[in-house]
Amino acid sequence: MEEFVVLVNPEDKVLGLMEKQQAHINGLLHRAFSVFLFNDKGEMLLQKRASEKYHSPNQWTNAVCSHPRNGETYLDGAKRRVKEELGIEVDLSEKFHFIYKADVGGNLWEHELDHVFTGFYNADFALNKEEVEEVRYISMEDLDKEIAEKPETFTEWFKIILEEYKHHF
């Protein structure tokens, strides 16, 4: 099934729809969301992207990142993808939004108006193995060390969004 993203201008005015991979090839600005989940210890949940993903396979990234469907709110899209990828339901709060552009390799670009949500979760997951290879919690201190030592093991957009997140908090 073809997936479409919602193309927008910097003010989030809808310009139209485009097939997801084509939007990533063209580097066109589109709607996206990122979810950061934390446990009671303040550790951040990371997911390792499945090896079958068409870009950035086997790389670590935030809990969930994806695109709202046409007519779907950012929050509803985020909750949908948390359920589809991690098999859980969790309360989410929007923290901020910003625009970024990242070269993700293979002549593909993430150019997104990204709404960032956070939530807390401390129970088990039911991972969708087509999307997620594995998950783990990590302290912010250890995360910073890992990114510094092995930046190639993390998605390009996660490194950008994480820095923006730190700027806000």
N, C-alpha and C. Protein backbone atom coordinates (compact mmCIF):
# COMPACT_ATOMS: atom_id res chain seq x y z
N MET A 1 0.84 -1.19 0.00
CA MET A 1 0.00 0.00 0.00
C MET A 1 0.88 1.25 0.00
N GLU A 2 0.61 2.14 -0.93
CA GLU A 2 1.37 3.39 -1.00
C GLU A 2 1.03 4.27 0.19
N GLU A 3 2.04 4.89 0.75
CA GLU A 3 1.84 5.84 1.83
C GLU A 3 2.12 7.24 1.30
N PHE A 4 1.30 8.19 1.74
CA PHE A 4 1.45 9.57 1.31
C PHE A 4 1.78 10.45 2.51
N VAL A 5 2.55 11.50 2.26
CA VAL A 5 2.82 12.51 3.28
C VAL A 5 2.12 13.79 2.88
N VAL A 6 1.89 14.64 3.87
CA VAL A 6 1.22 15.92 3.65
C VAL A 6 2.30 16.98 3.45
N LEU A 7 2.37 17.52 2.25
CA LEU A 7 3.31 18.59 1.94
C LEU A 7 2.78 19.90 2.50
N VAL A 8 3.67 20.69 3.10
CA VAL A 8 3.27 21.95 3.71
C VAL A 8 4.30 23.03 3.42
N ASN A 9 3.90 24.27 3.68
CA ASN A 9 4.86 25.37 3.66
C ASN A 9 5.36 25.56 5.10
N PRO A 10 6.30 26.46 5.35
CA PRO A 10 6.83 26.62 6.71
C PRO A 10 5.79 27.04 7.75
N GLU A 11 4.65 27.57 7.32
CA GLU A 11 3.59 27.96 8.26
C GLU A 11 2.57 26.84 8.44
N ASP A 12 2.87 25.65 7.93
CA ASP A 12 2.02 24.45 8.05
C ASP A 12 0.75 24.54 7.21
N LYS A 13 0.77 25.35 6.16
CA LYS A 13 -0.35 25.38 5.22
C LYS A 13 -0.18 24.22 4.24
N VAL A 14 -1.23 23.43 4.10
CA VAL A 14 -1.18 22.24 3.26
C VAL A 14 -1.04 22.63 1.79
N LEU A 15 -0.07 22.03 1.13
CA LEU A 15 0.18 22.26 -0.30
C LEU A 15 -0.28 21.10 -1.16
N GLY A 16 -0.44 19.93 -0.55
CA GLY A 16 -0.87 18.76 -1.29
C GLY A 16 -0.32 17.49 -0.66
N LEU A 17 -0.49 16.39 -1.37
CA LEU A 17 0.00 15.09 -0.92
C LEU A 17 1.02 14.56 -1.90
N MET A 18 1.94 13.74 -1.41
CA MET A 18 2.92 13.10 -2.27
C MET A 18 3.26 11.74 -1.68
N GLU A 19 3.53 10.78 -2.55
CA GLU A 19 3.96 9.47 -2.09
C GLU A 19 5.21 9.66 -1.24
N LYS A 20 5.28 8.95 -0.11
CA LYS A 20 6.32 9.19 0.91
C LYS A 20 7.74 9.10 0.35
N GLN A 21 8.05 8.05 -0.36
CA GLN A 21 9.42 7.90 -0.84
C GLN A 21 9.77 9.00 -1.84
N GLN A 22 8.81 9.40 -2.68
CA GLN A 22 9.06 10.47 -3.64
C GLN A 22 9.34 11.80 -2.92
N ALA A 23 8.60 12.06 -1.84
CA ALA A 23 8.84 13.28 -1.06
C ALA A 23 10.24 13.26 -0.45
N HIS A 24 10.70 12.08 -0.06
CA HIS A 24 12.05 11.96 0.51
C HIS A 24 13.12 12.07 -0.57
N ILE A 25 12.83 11.64 -1.76
CA ILE A 25 13.77 11.81 -2.88
C ILE A 25 13.87 13.29 -3.24
N ASN A 26 12.72 13.97 -3.29
CA ASN A 26 12.68 15.37 -3.69
C ASN A 26 13.06 16.33 -2.56
N GLY A 27 13.10 15.84 -1.33
CA GLY A 27 13.46 16.68 -0.20
C GLY A 27 12.43 17.77 0.08
N LEU A 28 11.15 17.47 -0.15
CA LEU A 28 10.10 18.46 0.04
C LEU A 28 9.61 18.50 1.48
N LEU A 29 9.30 19.69 1.97
CA LEU A 29 8.84 19.88 3.34
C LEU A 29 7.50 19.19 3.53
N HIS A 30 7.41 18.37 4.58
CA HIS A 30 6.17 17.66 4.88
C HIS A 30 5.99 17.52 6.39
N ARG A 31 4.78 17.18 6.79
CA ARG A 31 4.44 17.03 8.20
C ARG A 31 5.05 15.76 8.77
N ALA A 32 5.50 15.87 10.01
CA ALA A 32 6.06 14.71 10.71
C ALA A 32 5.87 14.91 12.21
N PHE A 33 6.09 13.82 12.93
CA PHE A 33 6.10 13.89 14.39
C PHE A 33 7.19 12.98 14.92
N SER A 34 7.67 13.32 16.09
CA SER A 34 8.67 12.52 16.79
C SER A 34 8.19 12.33 18.22
N VAL A 35 8.33 11.10 18.72
CA VAL A 35 7.91 10.78 20.08
C VAL A 35 9.14 10.38 20.89
N PHE A 36 9.32 11.04 22.04
CA PHE A 36 10.35 10.68 22.99
C PHE A 36 9.64 10.08 24.20
N LEU A 37 9.95 8.85 24.54
CA LEU A 37 9.37 8.20 25.72
C LEU A 37 10.46 8.03 26.78
N PHE A 38 10.06 8.19 28.03
CA PHE A 38 10.96 8.08 29.17
C PHE A 38 10.38 7.13 30.20
N ASN A 39 11.25 6.47 30.95
CA ASN A 39 10.79 5.65 32.07
C ASN A 39 10.90 6.45 33.37
N ASP A 40 10.56 5.81 34.48
CA ASP A 40 10.56 6.50 35.77
C ASP A 40 11.95 6.93 36.22
N LYS A 41 12.99 6.33 35.64
CA LYS A 41 14.37 6.70 35.99
C LYS A 41 14.86 7.89 35.16
N GLY A 42 14.01 8.39 34.25
CA GLY A 42 14.42 9.50 33.39
C GLY A 42 15.21 9.05 32.17
N GLU A 43 15.26 7.73 31.93
CA GLU A 43 15.97 7.22 30.77
C GLU A 43 15.09 7.31 29.53
N MET A 44 15.72 7.55 28.39
CA MET A 44 15.01 7.69 27.12
C MET A 44 14.93 6.35 26.41
N LEU A 45 13.76 6.06 25.83
CA LEU A 45 13.59 4.86 25.04
C LEU A 45 14.16 5.08 23.63
N LEU A 46 15.00 4.16 23.19
CA LEU A 46 15.49 4.15 21.81
C LEU A 46 14.92 2.94 21.11
N GLN A 47 14.66 3.09 19.82
CA GLN A 47 14.31 1.94 19.00
C GLN A 47 15.37 1.76 17.93
N LYS A 48 15.66 0.50 17.63
CA LYS A 48 16.53 0.17 16.52
C LYS A 48 15.63 -0.16 15.33
N ARG A 49 15.80 0.61 14.25
CA ARG A 49 14.96 0.43 13.08
C ARG A 49 15.19 -0.94 12.45
N ALA A 50 14.14 -1.53 11.94
CA ALA A 50 14.22 -2.86 11.33
C ALA A 50 15.17 -2.86 10.14
N SER A 51 15.76 -3.99 9.88
CA SER A 51 16.74 -4.11 8.79
C SER A 51 16.09 -3.96 7.42
N GLU A 52 14.77 -4.13 7.32
CA GLU A 52 14.08 -4.02 6.03
C GLU A 52 13.66 -2.60 5.66
N LYS A 53 13.88 -1.63 6.55
CA LYS A 53 13.47 -0.26 6.27
C LYS A 53 14.22 0.27 5.04
N TYR A 54 13.53 1.05 4.20
CA TYR A 54 14.15 1.50 2.95
C TYR A 54 15.20 2.58 3.15
N HIS A 55 15.23 3.22 4.29
CA HIS A 55 16.37 4.08 4.62
C HIS A 55 16.65 3.98 6.11
N SER A 56 17.90 4.20 6.45
CA SER A 56 18.38 4.18 7.84
C SER A 56 18.06 2.87 8.57
N PRO A 57 18.21 1.70 7.90
CA PRO A 57 17.94 0.44 8.59
C PRO A 57 18.98 0.20 9.68
N ASN A 58 18.58 -0.55 10.70
CA ASN A 58 19.48 -0.97 11.79
C ASN A 58 20.13 0.20 12.53
N GLN A 59 19.55 1.38 12.46
CA GLN A 59 20.09 2.51 13.20
C GLN A 59 19.17 2.80 14.39
N TRP A 60 19.78 3.31 15.45
CA TRP A 60 19.03 3.70 16.64
C TRP A 60 18.41 5.08 16.43
N THR A 61 17.21 5.25 16.98
CA THR A 61 16.49 6.51 16.88
C THR A 61 15.57 6.65 18.07
N ASN A 62 14.81 7.75 18.12
CA ASN A 62 13.86 7.95 19.21
C ASN A 62 12.75 6.91 19.15
N ALA A 63 11.90 6.88 20.18
CA ALA A 63 10.88 5.85 20.34
C ALA A 63 10.07 5.64 19.06
N VAL A 64 9.57 6.73 18.48
CA VAL A 64 8.75 6.65 17.26
C VAL A 64 8.91 7.95 16.49
N CYS A 65 8.98 7.85 15.19
CA CYS A 65 8.95 9.01 14.31
C CYS A 65 8.26 8.60 13.03
N SER A 66 7.34 9.45 12.57
CA SER A 66 6.59 9.11 11.37
C SER A 66 5.86 10.35 10.86
N HIS A 67 4.78 10.12 10.12
CA HIS A 67 4.05 11.20 9.46
C HIS A 67 2.55 11.05 9.71
N PRO A 68 1.88 12.17 10.04
CA PRO A 68 0.41 12.08 10.14
C PRO A 68 -0.18 11.90 8.74
N ARG A 69 -1.27 11.19 8.70
CA ARG A 69 -2.00 11.00 7.43
C ARG A 69 -2.80 12.26 7.12
N ASN A 70 -3.22 12.37 5.88
CA ASN A 70 -4.06 13.49 5.47
C ASN A 70 -5.31 13.53 6.35
N GLY A 71 -5.59 14.66 6.97
CA GLY A 71 -6.76 14.82 7.82
C GLY A 71 -6.56 14.34 9.25
N GLU A 72 -5.41 13.80 9.58
CA GLU A 72 -5.12 13.30 10.92
C GLU A 72 -4.30 14.36 11.67
N THR A 73 -4.60 14.58 12.93
CA THR A 73 -3.81 15.53 13.71
C THR A 73 -2.43 14.93 13.99
N TYR A 74 -1.51 15.80 14.35
CA TYR A 74 -0.17 15.32 14.72
C TYR A 74 -0.27 14.36 15.91
N LEU A 75 -1.08 14.72 16.93
CA LEU A 75 -1.22 13.88 18.12
C LEU A 75 -1.83 12.53 17.77
N ASP A 76 -2.90 12.53 16.99
CA ASP A 76 -3.53 11.26 16.62
C ASP A 76 -2.57 10.38 15.82
N GLY A 77 -1.78 10.98 14.93
CA GLY A 77 -0.79 10.22 14.18
C GLY A 77 0.27 9.63 15.09
N ALA A 78 0.73 10.43 16.06
CA ALA A 78 1.74 9.94 16.99
C ALA A 78 1.22 8.77 17.81
N LYS A 79 0.00 8.89 18.32
CA LYS A 79 -0.58 7.79 19.10
C LYS A 79 -0.78 6.54 18.23
N ARG A 80 -1.21 6.73 16.99
CA ARG A 80 -1.39 5.60 16.07
C ARG A 80 -0.08 4.86 15.86
N ARG A 81 1.00 5.61 15.57
CA ARG A 81 2.29 4.96 15.28
C ARG A 81 2.91 4.33 16.53
N VAL A 82 2.71 4.92 17.71
CA VAL A 82 3.20 4.28 18.94
C VAL A 82 2.54 2.90 19.07
N LYS A 83 1.24 2.83 18.80
CA LYS A 83 0.51 1.56 18.87
C LYS A 83 0.99 0.60 17.78
N GLU A 84 1.16 1.09 16.55
CA GLU A 84 1.56 0.23 15.43
C GLU A 84 2.99 -0.29 15.58
N GLU A 85 3.90 0.54 16.08
CA GLU A 85 5.30 0.14 16.14
C GLU A 85 5.67 -0.55 17.45
N LEU A 86 5.21 0.01 18.58
CA LEU A 86 5.61 -0.50 19.89
C LEU A 86 4.55 -1.36 20.56
N GLY A 87 3.31 -1.32 20.02
CA GLY A 87 2.24 -2.14 20.58
C GLY A 87 1.73 -1.64 21.92
N ILE A 88 1.83 -0.33 22.15
CA ILE A 88 1.41 0.23 23.45
C ILE A 88 0.53 1.45 23.24
N GLU A 89 -0.17 1.82 24.29
CA GLU A 89 -0.89 3.08 24.32
C GLU A 89 -0.31 3.91 25.46
N VAL A 90 -0.09 5.19 25.18
CA VAL A 90 0.56 6.06 26.17
C VAL A 90 0.06 7.48 25.97
N ASP A 91 -0.06 8.22 27.08
CA ASP A 91 -0.43 9.63 27.00
C ASP A 91 0.77 10.41 26.48
N LEU A 92 0.53 11.32 25.54
CA LEU A 92 1.59 12.12 24.95
C LEU A 92 1.27 13.60 25.10
N SER A 93 2.31 14.41 25.27
CA SER A 93 2.17 15.86 25.32
C SER A 93 3.07 16.47 24.26
N GLU A 94 2.51 17.42 23.49
CA GLU A 94 3.35 18.11 22.52
C GLU A 94 4.21 19.13 23.24
N LYS A 95 5.51 19.15 22.91
CA LYS A 95 6.46 20.04 23.57
C LYS A 95 6.89 21.21 22.70
N PHE A 96 7.11 20.97 21.41
CA PHE A 96 7.51 22.03 20.50
C PHE A 96 7.45 21.49 19.08
N HIS A 97 7.63 22.39 18.11
CA HIS A 97 7.77 21.96 16.72
C HIS A 97 8.83 22.83 16.06
N PHE A 98 9.44 22.29 15.03
CA PHE A 98 10.48 23.01 14.30
C PHE A 98 10.66 22.35 12.94
N ILE A 99 11.43 23.01 12.08
CA ILE A 99 11.70 22.50 10.74
C ILE A 99 13.17 22.11 10.66
N TYR A 100 13.43 20.96 10.07
CA TYR A 100 14.80 20.54 9.84
C TYR A 100 14.90 19.83 8.49
N LYS A 101 16.12 19.72 8.00
CA LYS A 101 16.40 18.97 6.77
C LYS A 101 17.64 18.14 7.02
N ALA A 102 17.55 16.83 6.73
CA ALA A 102 18.66 15.91 6.99
C ALA A 102 18.86 14.99 5.80
N ASP A 103 20.11 14.84 5.39
CA ASP A 103 20.50 13.87 4.37
C ASP A 103 20.56 12.50 5.04
N VAL A 104 19.69 11.57 4.62
CA VAL A 104 19.65 10.26 5.26
C VAL A 104 20.31 9.19 4.39
N GLY A 105 21.06 9.62 3.38
CA GLY A 105 21.78 8.68 2.52
C GLY A 105 20.92 8.18 1.38
N GLY A 106 21.56 7.61 0.38
CA GLY A 106 20.84 7.05 -0.76
C GLY A 106 20.07 8.08 -1.55
N ASN A 107 20.55 9.32 -1.57
CA ASN A 107 19.86 10.43 -2.24
C ASN A 107 18.46 10.67 -1.68
N LEU A 108 18.30 10.44 -0.38
CA LEU A 108 17.03 10.67 0.30
C LEU A 108 17.21 11.75 1.36
N TRP A 109 16.15 12.55 1.54
CA TRP A 109 16.17 13.66 2.49
C TRP A 109 14.94 13.59 3.39
N GLU A 110 15.15 13.88 4.65
CA GLU A 110 14.05 14.16 5.56
C GLU A 110 13.99 15.67 5.69
N HIS A 111 12.92 16.27 5.19
CA HIS A 111 12.71 17.72 5.30
C HIS A 111 11.34 17.87 5.94
N GLU A 112 11.34 18.11 7.25
CA GLU A 112 10.11 17.95 7.98
C GLU A 112 9.77 19.13 8.88
N LEU A 113 8.47 19.40 8.95
CA LEU A 113 7.90 20.24 9.99
C LEU A 113 7.52 19.24 11.07
N ASP A 114 8.37 19.14 12.09
CA ASP A 114 8.31 18.06 13.06
C ASP A 114 7.71 18.54 14.38
N HIS A 115 6.65 17.88 14.80
CA HIS A 115 6.03 18.14 16.10
C HIS A 115 6.56 17.07 17.07
N VAL A 116 7.16 17.52 18.16
CA VAL A 116 7.82 16.62 19.10
C VAL A 116 6.94 16.43 20.33
N PHE A 117 6.68 15.14 20.64
CA PHE A 117 5.85 14.74 21.77
C PHE A 117 6.69 13.95 22.77
N THR A 118 6.29 14.03 24.04
CA THR A 118 6.92 13.20 25.07
C THR A 118 5.86 12.44 25.84
N GLY A 119 6.30 11.35 26.46
CA GLY A 119 5.43 10.55 27.30
C GLY A 119 6.27 9.69 28.22
N PHE A 120 5.60 9.00 29.13
CA PHE A 120 6.26 8.13 30.10
C PHE A 120 5.67 6.74 30.00
N TYR A 121 6.56 5.73 30.04
CA TYR A 121 6.11 4.34 29.91
C TYR A 121 7.08 3.42 30.62
N ASN A 122 6.55 2.47 31.39
CA ASN A 122 7.38 1.60 32.21
C ASN A 122 7.01 0.12 32.11
N ALA A 123 6.22 -0.27 31.13
CA ALA A 123 5.77 -1.67 31.05
C ALA A 123 6.38 -2.35 29.81
N ASP A 124 5.79 -3.46 29.42
CA ASP A 124 6.30 -4.26 28.30
C ASP A 124 5.83 -3.71 26.96
N PHE A 125 6.53 -4.13 25.91
CA PHE A 125 6.22 -3.73 24.54
C PHE A 125 5.81 -4.95 23.73
N ALA A 126 5.06 -4.73 22.66
CA ALA A 126 4.72 -5.76 21.67
C ALA A 126 5.20 -5.22 20.33
N LEU A 127 6.50 -5.38 20.05
CA LEU A 127 7.14 -4.74 18.90
C LEU A 127 6.64 -5.30 17.57
N ASN A 128 6.44 -4.39 16.62
CA ASN A 128 6.15 -4.76 15.24
C ASN A 128 7.51 -4.96 14.57
N LYS A 129 7.89 -6.21 14.34
CA LYS A 129 9.24 -6.53 13.85
C LYS A 129 9.48 -6.03 12.42
N GLU A 130 8.45 -5.66 11.69
CA GLU A 130 8.65 -5.05 10.36
C GLU A 130 9.14 -3.61 10.50
N GLU A 131 8.93 -3.03 11.66
CA GLU A 131 9.31 -1.64 11.91
C GLU A 131 10.49 -1.52 12.88
N VAL A 132 10.47 -2.32 13.93
CA VAL A 132 11.38 -2.15 15.06
C VAL A 132 12.14 -3.45 15.33
N GLU A 133 13.45 -3.39 15.29
CA GLU A 133 14.30 -4.55 15.58
C GLU A 133 14.33 -4.83 17.09
N GLU A 134 14.55 -3.76 17.88
CA GLU A 134 14.61 -3.89 19.33
C GLU A 134 14.47 -2.50 19.95
N VAL A 135 14.25 -2.47 21.27
CA VAL A 135 14.19 -1.21 22.01
C VAL A 135 15.05 -1.32 23.26
N ARG A 136 15.45 -0.17 23.77
CA ARG A 136 16.20 -0.12 25.03
C ARG A 136 16.09 1.28 25.61
N TYR A 137 16.19 1.34 26.93
CA TYR A 137 16.25 2.62 27.63
C TYR A 137 17.71 2.97 27.87
N ILE A 138 18.01 4.27 27.87
CA ILE A 138 19.37 4.74 28.07
C ILE A 138 19.34 6.09 28.79
N SER A 139 20.31 6.30 29.67
CA SER A 139 20.40 7.60 30.34
C SER A 139 20.85 8.65 29.32
N MET A 140 20.52 9.89 29.56
CA MET A 140 20.93 10.96 28.65
C MET A 140 22.45 11.06 28.59
N GLU A 141 23.11 10.86 29.72
CA GLU A 141 24.57 10.91 29.77
C GLU A 141 25.18 9.82 28.88
N ASP A 142 24.68 8.59 29.01
CA ASP A 142 25.20 7.49 28.19
C ASP A 142 24.85 7.68 26.72
N LEU A 143 23.68 8.24 26.45
CA LEU A 143 23.29 8.52 25.07
C LEU A 143 24.25 9.50 24.42
N ASP A 144 24.56 10.58 25.13
CA ASP A 144 25.51 11.56 24.60
C ASP A 144 26.86 10.91 24.29
N LYS A 145 27.33 10.04 25.18
CA LYS A 145 28.61 9.34 24.96
C LYS A 145 28.54 8.45 23.73
N GLU A 146 27.46 7.68 23.60
CA GLU A 146 27.33 6.77 22.45
C GLU A 146 27.29 7.54 21.13
N ILE A 147 26.55 8.63 21.11
CA ILE A 147 26.46 9.43 19.88
C ILE A 147 27.82 10.00 19.53
N ALA A 148 28.56 10.45 20.54
CA ALA A 148 29.90 11.00 20.29
C ALA A 148 30.86 9.93 19.78
N GLU A 149 30.75 8.72 20.32
CA GLU A 149 31.68 7.64 19.96
C GLU A 149 31.28 6.92 18.68
N LYS A 150 29.97 6.76 18.44
CA LYS A 150 29.49 5.99 17.28
C LYS A 150 28.31 6.70 16.59
N PRO A 151 28.55 7.90 16.06
CA PRO A 151 27.42 8.66 15.48
C PRO A 151 26.74 7.94 14.32
N GLU A 152 27.47 7.09 13.62
CA GLU A 152 26.90 6.39 12.46
C GLU A 152 25.85 5.35 12.85
N THR A 153 25.75 5.01 14.14
CA THR A 153 24.76 4.02 14.57
C THR A 153 23.41 4.66 14.90
N PHE A 154 23.32 5.99 14.76
CA PHE A 154 22.08 6.72 15.05
C PHE A 154 21.57 7.40 13.78
N THR A 155 20.25 7.52 13.68
CA THR A 155 19.67 8.20 12.52
C THR A 155 20.06 9.67 12.53
N GLU A 156 20.19 10.22 11.33
CA GLU A 156 20.57 11.64 11.21
C GLU A 156 19.54 12.55 11.84
N TRP A 157 18.25 12.24 11.64
CA TRP A 157 17.21 13.13 12.18
C TRP A 157 17.17 13.06 13.70
N PHE A 158 17.44 11.91 14.27
CA PHE A 158 17.42 11.81 15.73
C PHE A 158 18.47 12.72 16.36
N LYS A 159 19.65 12.76 15.77
CA LYS A 159 20.71 13.62 16.31
C LYS A 159 20.28 15.09 16.26
N ILE A 160 19.60 15.49 15.20
CA ILE A 160 19.11 16.87 15.06
C ILE A 160 18.00 17.15 16.07
N ILE A 161 17.03 16.25 16.15
CA ILE A 161 15.88 16.45 17.03
C ILE A 161 16.31 16.43 18.50
N LEU A 162 17.26 15.56 18.84
CA LEU A 162 17.76 15.48 20.20
C LEU A 162 18.40 16.80 20.62
N GLU A 163 19.20 17.40 19.73
CA GLU A 163 19.81 18.69 20.05
C GLU A 163 18.74 19.77 20.23
N GLU A 164 17.72 19.75 19.39
CA GLU A 164 16.62 20.72 19.52
C GLU A 164 15.88 20.49 20.83
N TYR A 165 15.67 19.22 21.19
CA TYR A 165 15.02 18.89 22.45
C TYR A 165 15.81 19.46 23.63
N LYS A 166 17.12 19.27 23.63
CA LYS A 166 17.98 19.78 24.72
C LYS A 166 17.90 21.29 24.78
N HIS A 167 17.79 21.94 23.63
CA HIS A 167 17.69 23.40 23.58
C HIS A 167 16.42 23.89 24.28
N HIS A 168 15.35 23.12 24.18
CA HIS A 168 14.08 23.51 24.79
C HIS A 168 13.98 23.15 26.26
N PHE A 169 14.78 22.16 26.69
CA PHE A 169 14.67 21.70 28.10
C PHE A 169 15.99 21.80 28.74
